[in-house]
Structures are given as C-alpha cells and as structure tokens.
Amino acid sequence: MWPLDPSRKEVLRFAVRCRVLTLVLQALFNAIIPDHHAEAFSPPRLTPSGSVDQIVEGLLGGLSHWDAEHFLFIAERGYLYEHNFAFFPGFPLALLVGAELLRPLWPLLNLRSRLLISVALLNSLFSVLAAVALHDLGCLVLRCPCQAFYGALLFCLSPANVFLAAGYSEALFALLTFSAMGQLERGRSWTSGLLFALATGVRSNGLVNIGFLVYSQCQGFLSSPVVLNPLRPLLKLMGSVFLSVFALGLPFALFQYYGYTQFCLSGSGRPIPEPLRQLAVDKGYRTVEGNEPPWCSWELPLIYSYIQDIYWNVGFLRYYELKQVPNFLLATPMAILVAWATWTYVTTHPWLCVTLGMQRSKNSKTPEKPDRGFLSPQVFVYLVHAAALALFGGLCMHVQVLTRFLGSSTPLVYWFPAYLLQNQEPLLRSLETVPWKPRVGDSLPGQMVPRSSIMGLLYNWKTCSLVTRCVLGYFLSYWLLGLLLHCNFLPWT
C-alpha cells in the first residue's frame, strides 16, 4: 500500500476526476453520434436483454467496440474461435471476477451487462492505480518529485486514454508493469518477477520485460566485489537469468499449449451454439469443432504467431503501403516523442549509452554528480525499452496501435514530456505547491511540488510556451478524438 502523502493524493484526485470525465464523455458521444458500420468482430447476442440491460448498453456500450468485443466475448463464451487467441486471458479473467462480484444483480442484468459494468469499474480502478504506481516509480527512478508528479498527471491525460477506459487490457497491463518496475527498483526481484509474469498473461509484449530483470541481474553481477573464484557468481547469474526467462515465458507457453489442446487434440472441442457456429461459417472463422489447422503440424506449434500472420497480416514491413499513410500519420506524434527522447538522452550521456549504463564516467577518479530527472543514469534501461518497442511497433505491427502500445508499456512517454514541461515552462514555477515527503529509505530531502499544475497550464494556455502547448495539445486532442471516434466504430484502434 502506498502512503498517501500530499503529492500522491493530488495524483489520485486528478486521476479519479479524469476517469469520471472519460466515462461521461464516452456515454455522451455514444448517444449523440450514430455508429459507423465497420467490419469489426460482432457476435450475436444470445441472452435476452431487459430494460435495465438496455440502459447499461446505452451508457457503457461505447466501451465495447473494436477489440473490446473480443475480450467481452472471451469472458462470456471462452475461446471458441481461432482468432480469439490473439487476446491473452488475463483481462477476460479479471472481467469474469468482476461479473461474479456483481452476481447479486443477476435478476436485473444479464452477463454481458455485468461484464460492461466490470469494464467501466475495473479499468477505472486499474488506470487510477497505474497513475499512482507511475508516480511511485518516478520518485524512485527520476529522484525528482516534480517530474514524477508531472509524469503521473500526464498519464491521466494519456493519448491512449480511450483504451485505458474501454474494454481493452491496457489499463491492467500498465498497472502490473509499472508496479513491477517499482518493485524491481526497490530490489524486490521476486515480487517484481511475479508482477511481470502476470503482465505477460495480459499482453504478449510483457515478454519484453524480461530485459529489466536480466539487466538488473547483470548490474548486480558487475558491481559485486571481485572474488578468487568468479565461476560461482557467474553460475548464479546464469541461473537467475534462466529463472527470469522461465517465469515470464511460462504464461505465454501455457496459453499456447491451451490453444494446441483446443485445436490440435481430437475430442477437445466443446459444443458451440448454433448462431455462433453460423457466424463462423458466414465470416470464415475457424472453430474448435473445425478441421485441424496447419499450425498444428509445425515443429513449434504457436497459435499466436499463426493468428498474427494470417488474420492480422502482422509482419516485417507488411504495413508499408500507400493506403496506410493516414495510420502512419496517426502514430507519428508518439514516434517523434520517443525519437526525441532518445536523441536528447544519448547526446547528453554518450559514454553511458556506449557502456550500456554499466559505467557512468570514463574517469572514475573524478566522480560526477549524477543527474536527476529524465537525464538520470537510472533512466537508461527504460529508454532502451521504449526505443525497442517503438522500433518493433513501427516496423512489424499495425502502426496505428503504437500510441496505446507505448502508452501502456513504458513510463518514458510520460517522463520525457514532464522533463520538457519542467525545463521549458516558466509558469510552473509560480503555481501553488504542496509538500512532498520522501519514502522511508529515500535520501532526498522534502521538497515542494506544484498543485494541479496541468489545470493551471490550461487556464493560462495563451501565455504557455510553444513546447507546453504542443505537449498538452497532443495529449488532450488524442484523448478527445479517441473518445469521439472509438465509441462510434470510427477508425481509432
């Protein structure tokens, strides 16, 4: 549990307000704008809907569009179609738990309505806790409470905000990932590994987080005192790396094995209701009752790789077509943000980057005072993580998902704008402040952080610097456009 010091309370308060406003706006946009008829997954509803169900659908139906329909379908029916296996089970299981807690409402609400309410409540909770976890992580890594504070507030206004509210797994993944990073910064590698493993059960890119554990273990190995027999610490390092890879890879492997048992082993299928079977015939979906798919005969039968290849056409440079230019433009601000952050950090700390963050100065006899904030040496591994995700997303994925892909995976896309705001916005120095107290074990003295700094900048928009207007304009415009388009089946996925 996090101690609620004033700055953390401010983050919590701002996050709750943003969540409430997001839910209200999506309901409003969903009500006043007719839905676009998109070629999206839309299974038939098999349970009758009462008047209360229709009210829930009217208020929260905008949270169930695009990929959210897959998660709701999996939570309600399980993995009946082959392409459902593109979506990992962590979030549908969380929705099922939420629906079970709402079981007393069963006489009034069908399962889908309870799942929609679970989406609204759980993702609001997850995103609020993720903001607090990001603030906590920022205080540990940046050693600059102001930048940690700004970064957490910017997360509340994330360009990926609609995906943190809708029935997507981003909010849960962000909470688990930021919490795991914070535990690792405190030296709690076992707790961190467990949280990272849970994150892998939510999204496949959780596998990349293996790098954080391995990097931490390598740092510990290189900083350990020299011993006469280096073989023992080397074997210990290799064992730790193996355990990290095994722990984070296990959820992925188990999910792939489950897919194999459903589609490749005879007699493992289960009955499918006739309307859902007919949908599979009409749309060409492969079901667990169908013929054995070709990936079952692969040397390494991975259903996830097959689905990404065949159903979503995901692969190296496959998305580089003229018709995809609008999607590239949609992802450009996030790509620029990561590239700018990388260039700023690398040009400031070239030697640190060359030595992979393992050696901070060429001349160890003249120790330098370490930078704080975004330019802190501790940020290096987070920078590499963000750059690797951005590069992979830009080359191999549907590029329009880059915003939510990075917005829920790396704190860097909030720390760097926070760094820009602190260094290039004079107005922040004059805003009302609240005291910040370091946690037990932190060496920083108590400092002051601005209260409601983002709102203060918005109230004084005309006098803000160009950088501030660009940063806040990007965050807020993507937030509002995402809500406006996504909840009406317009292209914003």
Protein backbone atom coordinates (compact mmCIF):
# COMPACT_ATOMS: atom_id res chain seq x y z
CA MET A 1 0.00 0.00 0.00
CA TRP A 2 1.33 3.48 -0.87
CA PRO A 3 1.43 6.13 1.90
CA LEU A 4 -0.87 8.96 0.82
CA ASP A 5 1.45 11.96 1.06
CA PRO A 6 0.07 15.22 -0.40
CA SER A 7 1.58 14.79 -3.87
CA ARG A 8 0.26 11.25 -4.17
CA LYS A 9 -3.18 12.41 -3.02
CA GLU A 10 -3.09 15.05 -5.71
CA VAL A 11 -2.29 12.41 -8.36
CA LEU A 12 -5.05 10.17 -7.04
CA ARG A 13 -7.59 13.00 -7.04
CA PHE A 14 -6.69 14.10 -10.57
CA ALA A 15 -6.78 10.51 -11.86
CA VAL A 16 -10.25 9.90 -10.42
CA ARG A 17 -11.59 13.09 -11.99
CA CYS A 18 -10.16 12.14 -15.38
CA ARG A 19 -11.72 8.66 -15.16
CA VAL A 20 -15.15 10.05 -14.32
CA LEU A 21 -14.94 12.63 -17.11
CA THR A 22 -13.85 9.94 -19.59
CA LEU A 23 -16.83 7.72 -18.78
CA VAL A 24 -19.24 10.64 -19.03
CA LEU A 25 -17.86 11.81 -22.38
CA GLN A 26 -17.89 8.35 -23.95
CA ALA A 27 -21.54 7.90 -22.93
CA LEU A 28 -22.39 11.32 -24.38
CA PHE A 29 -20.55 10.72 -27.67
CA ASN A 30 -22.00 7.23 -27.97
CA ALA A 31 -25.52 8.60 -27.52
CA ILE A 32 -25.43 11.57 -29.88
CA ILE A 33 -23.32 10.16 -32.76
CA PRO A 34 -24.61 7.24 -34.87
CA ASP A 35 -22.32 4.21 -35.01
CA HIS A 36 -20.32 3.65 -38.17
CA HIS A 37 -20.92 0.23 -39.76
CA ALA A 38 -17.41 -1.16 -39.51
CA GLU A 39 -16.17 -4.61 -40.47
CA ALA A 40 -15.42 -5.48 -36.87
CA PHE A 41 -15.99 -8.60 -34.79
CA SER A 42 -19.64 -8.51 -33.71
CA PRO A 43 -21.05 -11.82 -32.43
CA PRO A 44 -24.81 -12.24 -31.97
CA ARG A 45 -26.29 -11.70 -28.52
CA LEU A 46 -27.77 -14.97 -27.29
CA THR A 47 -29.18 -13.82 -23.96
CA PRO A 48 -32.36 -11.75 -23.70
CA SER A 49 -32.00 -8.09 -22.74
CA GLY A 50 -34.30 -6.35 -20.28
CA SER A 51 -34.90 -2.66 -19.82
CA VAL A 52 -32.02 -2.31 -17.34
CA ASP A 53 -29.69 -4.12 -19.77
CA GLN A 54 -30.61 -1.62 -22.46
CA ILE A 55 -29.82 1.28 -20.13
CA VAL A 56 -26.41 -0.24 -19.34
CA GLU A 57 -25.76 -0.77 -23.05
CA GLY A 58 -26.71 2.83 -23.78
CA LEU A 59 -24.40 4.22 -21.10
CA LEU A 60 -21.44 1.86 -21.46
CA GLY A 61 -21.85 0.35 -24.92
CA GLY A 62 -19.15 2.67 -26.29
CA LEU A 63 -16.60 0.76 -24.19
CA SER A 64 -17.29 -2.49 -26.05
CA HIS A 65 -16.24 -1.61 -29.59
CA TRP A 66 -13.40 -2.86 -31.79
CA ASP A 67 -11.07 -5.24 -29.91
CA ALA A 68 -13.06 -4.80 -26.71
CA GLU A 69 -15.72 -7.06 -28.23
CA HIS A 70 -13.17 -9.88 -28.36
CA PHE A 71 -12.40 -9.55 -24.65
CA LEU A 72 -16.08 -9.46 -23.72
CA PHE A 73 -16.81 -12.46 -25.94
CA ILE A 74 -13.94 -14.47 -24.41
CA ALA A 75 -15.10 -13.61 -20.90
CA GLU A 76 -18.66 -14.69 -21.76
CA ARG A 77 -18.08 -17.68 -24.08
CA GLY A 78 -14.43 -18.65 -23.83
CA TYR A 79 -12.02 -19.20 -26.73
CA LEU A 80 -14.42 -20.59 -29.36
CA TYR A 81 -12.83 -19.08 -32.47
CA GLU A 82 -9.23 -19.44 -33.54
CA HIS A 83 -8.62 -15.71 -33.90
CA ASN A 84 -9.74 -15.14 -30.28
CA PHE A 85 -6.33 -16.50 -29.25
CA ALA A 86 -4.76 -13.19 -30.30
CA PHE A 87 -6.07 -11.87 -26.96
CA PHE A 88 -4.46 -13.12 -23.78
CA PRO A 89 -6.61 -14.43 -20.90
CA GLY A 90 -5.53 -12.14 -18.04
CA PHE A 91 -8.02 -9.36 -18.72
CA PRO A 92 -11.04 -11.61 -19.55
CA LEU A 93 -10.41 -13.44 -16.27
CA ALA A 94 -10.43 -10.12 -14.41
CA LEU A 95 -13.73 -9.24 -16.09
CA LEU A 96 -15.21 -12.58 -15.05
CA VAL A 97 -14.21 -11.94 -11.45
CA GLY A 98 -15.85 -8.52 -11.63
CA ALA A 99 -19.02 -10.03 -13.12
CA GLU A 100 -19.13 -12.62 -10.34
CA LEU A 101 -18.94 -9.87 -7.75
CA LEU A 102 -21.99 -8.36 -9.42
CA ARG A 103 -23.90 -11.64 -9.30
CA PRO A 104 -26.47 -10.21 -6.80
CA LEU A 105 -27.66 -8.09 -9.74
CA TRP A 106 -28.39 -11.21 -11.82
CA PRO A 107 -32.21 -10.78 -11.70
CA LEU A 108 -31.79 -7.33 -13.30
CA LEU A 109 -28.74 -7.75 -15.54
CA ASN A 110 -27.57 -10.41 -17.96
CA LEU A 111 -23.94 -11.47 -18.10
CA ARG A 112 -22.97 -9.03 -20.84
CA SER A 113 -24.31 -6.07 -18.85
CA ARG A 114 -22.39 -7.20 -15.80
CA LEU A 115 -19.27 -7.52 -17.92
CA LEU A 116 -19.75 -3.98 -19.26
CA ILE A 117 -20.07 -2.64 -15.73
CA SER A 118 -16.93 -4.61 -14.82
CA VAL A 119 -15.10 -2.97 -17.72
CA ALA A 120 -16.05 0.51 -16.53
CA LEU A 121 -15.28 -0.10 -12.86
CA LEU A 122 -12.17 -2.27 -13.20
CA ASN A 123 -10.44 -0.23 -15.88
CA SER A 124 -11.16 2.94 -13.94
CA LEU A 125 -9.61 1.34 -10.87
CA PHE A 126 -6.66 -0.10 -12.80
CA SER A 127 -5.83 3.19 -14.53
CA VAL A 128 -6.07 5.21 -11.30
CA LEU A 129 -3.77 2.75 -9.51
CA ALA A 130 -1.44 2.75 -12.53
CA ALA A 131 -1.13 6.55 -12.23
CA VAL A 132 -0.18 6.19 -8.57
CA ALA A 133 2.25 3.37 -9.41
CA LEU A 134 3.84 5.54 -12.11
CA HIS A 135 4.24 8.38 -9.63
CA ASP A 136 5.84 5.99 -7.17
CA LEU A 137 8.18 4.64 -9.86
CA GLY A 138 9.08 8.15 -11.00
CA CYS A 139 10.08 9.18 -7.47
CA LEU A 140 12.41 6.17 -7.29
CA VAL A 141 13.99 6.43 -10.74
CA LEU A 142 13.99 10.14 -11.51
CA ARG A 143 14.85 11.29 -7.97
CA CYS A 144 12.96 14.43 -8.92
CA PRO A 145 9.50 14.68 -7.32
CA CYS A 146 8.32 17.41 -9.69
CA GLN A 147 8.97 15.37 -12.82
CA ALA A 148 7.49 12.26 -11.20
CA PHE A 149 4.40 14.32 -10.36
CA TYR A 150 4.05 15.81 -13.85
CA GLY A 151 4.56 12.38 -15.44
CA ALA A 152 1.78 10.84 -13.37
CA LEU A 153 -0.61 13.68 -14.24
CA LEU A 154 0.22 13.31 -17.93
CA PHE A 155 -0.58 9.59 -17.68
CA CYS A 156 -4.07 10.60 -16.52
CA LEU A 157 -4.38 12.54 -19.81
CA SER A 158 -2.66 9.85 -21.87
CA PRO A 159 -3.10 9.94 -25.67
CA ALA A 160 -4.12 6.28 -25.20
CA ASN A 161 -6.82 7.29 -22.72
CA VAL A 162 -9.74 5.74 -24.54
CA PHE A 163 -8.02 2.34 -24.43
CA LEU A 164 -7.42 2.71 -20.71
CA ALA A 165 -11.19 3.14 -20.27
CA ALA A 166 -12.64 0.80 -22.93
CA GLY A 167 -12.70 -2.99 -22.69
CA TYR A 168 -9.01 -3.35 -23.54
CA SER A 169 -6.22 -4.86 -21.47
CA GLU A 170 -4.03 -1.73 -21.48
CA ALA A 171 -5.04 -0.40 -18.05
CA LEU A 172 -4.37 -3.70 -16.27
CA PHE A 173 -1.11 -4.16 -18.16
CA ALA A 174 0.06 -0.64 -17.24
CA LEU A 175 -0.72 -1.23 -13.57
CA LEU A 176 1.14 -4.55 -13.44
CA THR A 177 4.10 -3.26 -15.46
CA PHE A 178 4.63 -0.01 -13.56
CA SER A 179 4.18 -1.82 -10.23
CA ALA A 180 6.70 -4.49 -11.25
CA MET A 181 9.22 -1.83 -12.28
CA GLY A 182 8.79 -0.10 -8.92
CA GLN A 183 9.36 -3.35 -7.02
CA LEU A 184 12.50 -4.03 -9.05
CA GLU A 185 13.85 -0.55 -8.27
CA ARG A 186 13.47 -1.42 -4.58
CA GLY A 187 15.43 -4.62 -5.03
CA ARG A 188 12.41 -6.91 -4.62
CA SER A 189 13.19 -9.08 -7.62
CA TRP A 190 10.87 -11.94 -6.67
CA THR A 191 7.82 -9.69 -6.30
CA SER A 192 8.80 -7.87 -9.47
CA GLY A 193 9.14 -11.14 -11.38
CA LEU A 194 5.69 -12.25 -10.24
CA LEU A 195 4.09 -8.98 -11.38
CA PHE A 196 5.95 -9.09 -14.70
CA ALA A 197 4.75 -12.67 -15.19
CA LEU A 198 1.15 -11.62 -14.54
CA ALA A 199 1.61 -8.82 -17.08
CA THR A 200 2.74 -11.40 -19.65
CA GLY A 201 -0.56 -13.18 -19.08
CA VAL A 202 -2.33 -9.95 -20.04
CA ARG A 203 -0.39 -8.87 -23.15
CA SER A 204 2.24 -10.60 -25.26
CA ASN A 205 4.67 -7.65 -25.16
CA GLY A 206 5.10 -8.43 -21.47
CA LEU A 207 7.77 -10.85 -22.67
CA VAL A 208 10.00 -7.85 -23.45
CA ASN A 209 10.09 -7.07 -19.73
CA ILE A 210 12.48 -9.97 -19.29
CA GLY A 211 15.10 -7.40 -20.21
CA PHE A 212 14.53 -5.45 -16.99
CA LEU A 213 15.19 -8.50 -14.81
CA VAL A 214 18.22 -9.60 -16.83
CA TYR A 215 19.67 -6.08 -16.83
CA SER A 216 19.23 -5.77 -13.07
CA GLN A 217 20.94 -9.11 -12.53
CA CYS A 218 23.84 -8.15 -14.80
CA GLN A 219 24.26 -4.88 -12.91
CA GLY A 220 24.40 -6.79 -9.63
CA PHE A 221 26.96 -9.19 -11.07
CA LEU A 222 29.26 -6.44 -12.38
CA SER A 223 29.02 -4.38 -9.19
CA SER A 224 29.78 -7.34 -6.90
CA PRO A 225 33.27 -7.42 -5.31
CA VAL A 226 36.00 -9.34 -7.13
CA VAL A 227 36.40 -12.90 -5.80
CA LEU A 228 39.08 -15.50 -6.33
CA ASN A 229 36.67 -17.91 -7.98
CA PRO A 230 34.41 -15.99 -10.42
CA LEU A 231 32.71 -19.18 -11.58
CA ARG A 232 30.23 -19.27 -8.71
CA PRO A 233 28.77 -15.77 -9.21
CA LEU A 234 28.71 -16.41 -12.96
CA LEU A 235 26.69 -19.60 -12.46
CA LYS A 236 24.41 -17.71 -10.10
CA LEU A 237 23.87 -15.05 -12.77
CA MET A 238 23.08 -17.68 -15.40
CA GLY A 239 20.64 -19.37 -13.03
CA SER A 240 18.90 -16.08 -12.30
CA VAL A 241 18.61 -15.26 -15.99
CA PHE A 242 17.15 -18.71 -16.68
CA LEU A 243 14.59 -18.30 -13.90
CA SER A 244 13.59 -14.88 -15.22
CA VAL A 245 13.10 -16.16 -18.76
CA PHE A 246 11.20 -19.19 -17.47
CA ALA A 247 8.92 -17.21 -15.14
CA LEU A 248 7.96 -14.56 -17.69
CA GLY A 249 7.72 -17.04 -20.55
CA LEU A 250 5.55 -19.53 -18.64
CA PRO A 251 2.19 -17.67 -19.04
CA PHE A 252 2.82 -17.35 -22.77
CA ALA A 253 3.79 -21.03 -23.09
CA LEU A 254 0.77 -22.22 -21.11
CA PHE A 255 -1.57 -20.14 -23.25
CA GLN A 256 -0.05 -21.57 -26.43
CA TYR A 257 -0.42 -25.08 -25.04
CA TYR A 258 -4.06 -24.43 -24.21
CA GLY A 259 -4.64 -23.37 -27.84
CA TYR A 260 -2.92 -26.54 -29.00
CA THR A 261 -5.19 -28.72 -26.85
CA GLN A 262 -8.28 -26.98 -28.22
CA PHE A 263 -7.50 -27.19 -31.93
CA CYS A 264 -4.95 -29.98 -32.36
CA LEU A 265 -6.09 -32.75 -29.99
CA SER A 266 -9.13 -34.77 -31.01
CA GLY A 267 -12.12 -34.66 -28.72
CA SER A 268 -11.04 -31.46 -27.00
CA GLY A 269 -13.68 -29.22 -28.62
CA ARG A 270 -16.89 -28.23 -26.87
CA PRO A 271 -20.39 -27.62 -28.22
CA ILE A 272 -20.97 -24.27 -29.90
CA PRO A 273 -24.40 -22.61 -30.01
CA GLU A 274 -25.88 -22.64 -33.50
CA PRO A 275 -25.89 -18.82 -34.02
CA LEU A 276 -22.18 -18.69 -33.19
CA ARG A 277 -21.49 -21.65 -35.47
CA GLN A 278 -23.36 -19.90 -38.27
CA LEU A 279 -21.32 -16.73 -37.70
CA ALA A 280 -18.16 -18.80 -38.15
CA VAL A 281 -19.50 -20.13 -41.46
CA ASP A 282 -20.50 -16.69 -42.69
CA LYS A 283 -17.25 -14.98 -41.70
CA GLY A 284 -14.84 -17.85 -42.31
CA TYR A 285 -13.79 -18.21 -38.66
CA ARG A 286 -12.18 -21.49 -37.65
CA THR A 287 -13.78 -23.01 -34.55
CA VAL A 288 -12.66 -25.64 -32.08
CA GLU A 289 -15.02 -28.05 -33.87
CA GLY A 290 -13.45 -27.48 -37.29
CA ASN A 291 -10.66 -29.17 -39.17
CA GLU A 292 -7.16 -29.26 -37.75
CA PRO A 293 -5.36 -26.00 -38.65
CA PRO A 294 -1.98 -26.08 -40.44
CA TRP A 295 -0.02 -24.70 -37.49
CA CYS A 296 -0.68 -27.90 -35.54
CA SER A 297 1.95 -29.65 -37.68
CA TRP A 298 4.65 -27.04 -37.12
CA GLU A 299 7.77 -28.04 -35.22
CA LEU A 300 6.85 -25.32 -32.72
CA PRO A 301 3.04 -25.03 -32.96
CA LEU A 302 2.38 -21.46 -31.84
CA ILE A 303 -1.18 -20.40 -32.45
CA TYR A 304 -0.36 -16.78 -31.60
CA SER A 305 2.22 -16.47 -34.40
CA TYR A 306 -0.18 -18.04 -36.91
CA ILE A 307 -3.04 -15.72 -35.99
CA GLN A 308 -0.91 -12.58 -36.20
CA ASP A 309 0.31 -13.70 -39.62
CA ILE A 310 -2.93 -14.93 -41.21
CA TYR A 311 -5.70 -12.94 -39.54
CA TRP A 312 -3.96 -9.61 -38.86
CA ASN A 313 -1.23 -9.70 -41.52
CA VAL A 314 1.39 -8.70 -38.96
CA GLY A 315 4.96 -8.97 -40.20
CA PHE A 316 8.11 -7.05 -41.08
CA LEU A 317 7.26 -4.01 -43.27
CA ARG A 318 3.92 -5.54 -44.30
CA TYR A 319 2.10 -2.39 -43.28
CA TYR A 320 4.19 -0.14 -45.51
CA GLU A 321 1.56 0.56 -48.16
CA LEU A 322 0.34 3.83 -49.61
CA LYS A 323 -3.19 3.31 -48.26
CA GLN A 324 -1.80 3.13 -44.70
CA VAL A 325 -0.40 6.68 -44.77
CA PRO A 326 -3.22 8.02 -42.51
CA ASN A 327 -2.38 5.38 -39.91
CA PHE A 328 1.29 6.34 -40.03
CA LEU A 329 0.30 9.96 -39.52
CA LEU A 330 -1.79 8.89 -36.54
CA ALA A 331 1.25 7.25 -34.94
CA THR A 332 3.72 9.99 -35.88
CA PRO A 333 3.46 12.12 -32.68
CA MET A 334 4.24 9.14 -30.43
CA ALA A 335 7.11 8.06 -32.70
CA ILE A 336 8.53 11.61 -32.65
CA LEU A 337 8.22 11.73 -28.86
CA VAL A 338 10.26 8.54 -28.40
CA ALA A 339 12.83 9.54 -31.03
CA TRP A 340 13.25 13.00 -29.46
CA ALA A 341 13.64 11.48 -26.00
CA THR A 342 16.23 9.01 -27.30
CA TRP A 343 18.23 11.73 -29.08
CA THR A 344 18.17 14.00 -26.02
CA TYR A 345 19.35 11.26 -23.68
CA VAL A 346 22.01 9.78 -25.98
CA THR A 347 23.57 13.16 -26.82
CA THR A 348 23.65 14.05 -23.12
CA HIS A 349 25.14 10.72 -21.97
CA PRO A 350 27.05 9.22 -24.94
CA TRP A 351 29.53 7.32 -22.76
CA LEU A 352 26.78 5.95 -20.53
CA CYS A 353 24.97 4.62 -23.60
CA VAL A 354 28.14 3.12 -25.11
CA THR A 355 28.78 1.21 -21.89
CA LEU A 356 25.10 0.18 -21.67
CA GLY A 357 24.67 2.07 -18.42
CA MET A 358 27.19 -0.11 -16.62
CA GLN A 359 29.87 2.60 -16.34
CA ARG A 360 28.96 6.23 -15.80
CA SER A 361 32.21 8.05 -16.45
CA LYS A 362 35.39 7.46 -18.40
CA ASN A 363 37.40 8.81 -15.49
CA SER A 364 36.40 7.07 -12.27
CA LYS A 365 38.81 9.30 -10.26
CA THR A 366 36.61 12.31 -10.82
CA PRO A 367 33.11 11.21 -9.86
CA GLU A 368 30.36 13.34 -11.29
CA LYS A 369 27.23 14.41 -9.50
CA PRO A 370 24.51 12.21 -11.05
CA ASP A 371 21.75 13.94 -12.98
CA ARG A 372 18.22 13.79 -11.67
CA GLY A 373 15.01 13.65 -13.59
CA PHE A 374 14.77 12.30 -17.12
CA LEU A 375 18.55 12.56 -17.60
CA SER A 376 19.25 10.33 -14.59
CA PRO A 377 21.50 7.31 -15.36
CA GLN A 378 18.75 5.07 -13.98
CA VAL A 379 16.53 6.04 -16.92
CA PHE A 380 18.83 4.29 -19.43
CA VAL A 381 17.17 0.87 -19.30
CA TYR A 382 13.71 2.48 -19.64
CA LEU A 383 14.93 4.41 -22.67
CA VAL A 384 16.21 1.22 -24.35
CA HIS A 385 12.91 -0.50 -23.57
CA ALA A 386 10.84 2.34 -25.09
CA ALA A 387 13.07 2.63 -28.17
CA ALA A 388 12.93 -1.13 -28.79
CA LEU A 389 9.12 -1.18 -28.51
CA ALA A 390 8.79 1.83 -30.82
CA LEU A 391 11.13 0.30 -33.41
CA PHE A 392 9.34 -3.04 -33.36
CA GLY A 393 5.92 -1.40 -33.46
CA GLY A 394 6.88 0.84 -36.36
CA LEU A 395 8.38 -1.94 -38.47
CA CYS A 396 6.30 -5.02 -37.68
CA MET A 397 2.90 -4.04 -36.29
CA HIS A 398 -0.18 -2.18 -37.41
CA VAL A 399 1.39 1.17 -36.81
CA GLN A 400 -1.76 2.93 -35.57
CA VAL A 401 -1.63 0.88 -32.36
CA LEU A 402 1.73 2.46 -31.49
CA THR A 403 0.06 5.08 -29.29
CA ARG A 404 -1.67 2.60 -26.97
CA PHE A 405 1.16 0.09 -27.30
CA LEU A 406 3.69 2.53 -25.85
CA GLY A 407 1.25 4.46 -23.68
CA SER A 408 0.53 1.39 -21.56
CA SER A 409 4.01 -0.16 -21.59
CA THR A 410 6.68 2.42 -20.90
CA PRO A 411 6.88 5.32 -18.44
CA LEU A 412 9.28 7.14 -20.75
CA VAL A 413 6.48 8.63 -22.86
CA TYR A 414 5.32 10.48 -19.72
CA TRP A 415 8.69 11.22 -18.12
CA PHE A 416 10.12 12.97 -21.18
CA PRO A 417 7.16 15.36 -21.65
CA ALA A 418 7.33 16.01 -17.88
CA TYR A 419 11.01 16.90 -18.32
CA LEU A 420 10.12 19.27 -21.16
CA LEU A 421 7.41 20.95 -19.11
CA GLN A 422 9.64 21.46 -16.09
CA ASN A 423 12.53 22.85 -18.11
CA GLN A 424 10.67 24.96 -20.66
CA GLU A 425 7.55 26.24 -18.91
CA PRO A 426 8.25 29.19 -16.58
CA LEU A 427 4.64 29.28 -15.43
CA LEU A 428 5.06 26.07 -13.46
CA ARG A 429 7.38 27.79 -11.01
CA SER A 430 4.62 30.18 -9.92
CA LEU A 431 1.84 27.66 -9.35
CA GLU A 432 0.59 26.72 -5.91
CA THR A 433 2.62 23.90 -4.34
CA VAL A 434 2.13 21.05 -1.89
CA PRO A 435 4.79 19.39 0.27
CA TRP A 436 6.35 16.14 -0.88
CA LYS A 437 7.90 13.80 1.68
CA PRO A 438 10.33 11.05 0.64
CA ARG A 439 9.54 7.46 1.49
CA VAL A 440 11.49 5.66 4.19
CA GLY A 441 14.92 4.82 2.82
CA ASP A 442 14.99 7.61 0.22
CA SER A 443 17.80 10.10 0.59
CA LEU A 444 16.03 13.07 -0.97
CA PRO A 445 15.03 15.95 1.30
CA GLY A 446 11.43 17.05 1.46
CA GLN A 447 10.52 19.26 -1.49
CA MET A 448 7.54 21.09 -2.91
CA VAL A 449 5.61 20.01 -5.99
CA PRO A 450 3.02 22.09 -7.88
CA ARG A 451 -0.64 21.50 -7.09
CA SER A 452 -2.99 20.96 -10.06
CA SER A 453 -0.20 22.06 -12.40
CA ILE A 454 -1.85 20.74 -15.55
CA MET A 455 -5.07 22.65 -14.85
CA GLY A 456 -3.03 25.76 -14.12
CA LEU A 457 -1.38 25.50 -17.52
CA LEU A 458 -4.74 25.03 -19.24
CA TYR A 459 -6.18 28.09 -17.52
CA ASN A 460 -3.20 30.11 -18.76
CA TRP A 461 -2.98 28.50 -22.19
CA LYS A 462 -2.19 31.69 -24.14
CA THR A 463 0.84 32.51 -22.03
CA CYS A 464 2.30 28.98 -22.10
CA SER A 465 5.42 28.18 -24.10
CA LEU A 466 5.21 26.54 -27.53
CA VAL A 467 6.52 23.23 -26.16
CA THR A 468 3.87 23.19 -23.44
CA ARG A 469 1.10 23.85 -25.92
CA CYS A 470 2.39 21.11 -28.22
CA VAL A 471 2.64 18.55 -25.41
CA LEU A 472 -0.73 19.30 -23.82
CA GLY A 473 -2.38 19.80 -27.21
CA TYR A 474 -1.23 16.35 -28.32
CA PHE A 475 -2.32 14.63 -25.11
CA LEU A 476 -5.74 16.32 -24.89
CA SER A 477 -6.61 16.17 -28.60
CA TYR A 478 -5.86 12.43 -28.77
CA TRP A 479 -7.87 11.88 -25.62
CA LEU A 480 -10.96 13.65 -27.02
CA LEU A 481 -10.60 12.34 -30.58
CA GLY A 482 -10.14 8.82 -29.28
CA LEU A 483 -13.35 9.01 -27.27
CA LEU A 484 -15.24 10.61 -30.13
CA LEU A 485 -14.18 8.09 -32.79
CA HIS A 486 -13.63 4.83 -30.93
CA CYS A 487 -17.02 4.64 -29.21
CA ASN A 488 -18.75 5.03 -32.59
CA PHE A 489 -16.77 2.38 -34.50
CA LEU A 490 -14.82 5.02 -36.39
CA PRO A 491 -11.16 4.23 -37.17
CA TRP A 492 -9.27 4.69 -33.90
CA THR A 493 -7.88 1.34 -32.83
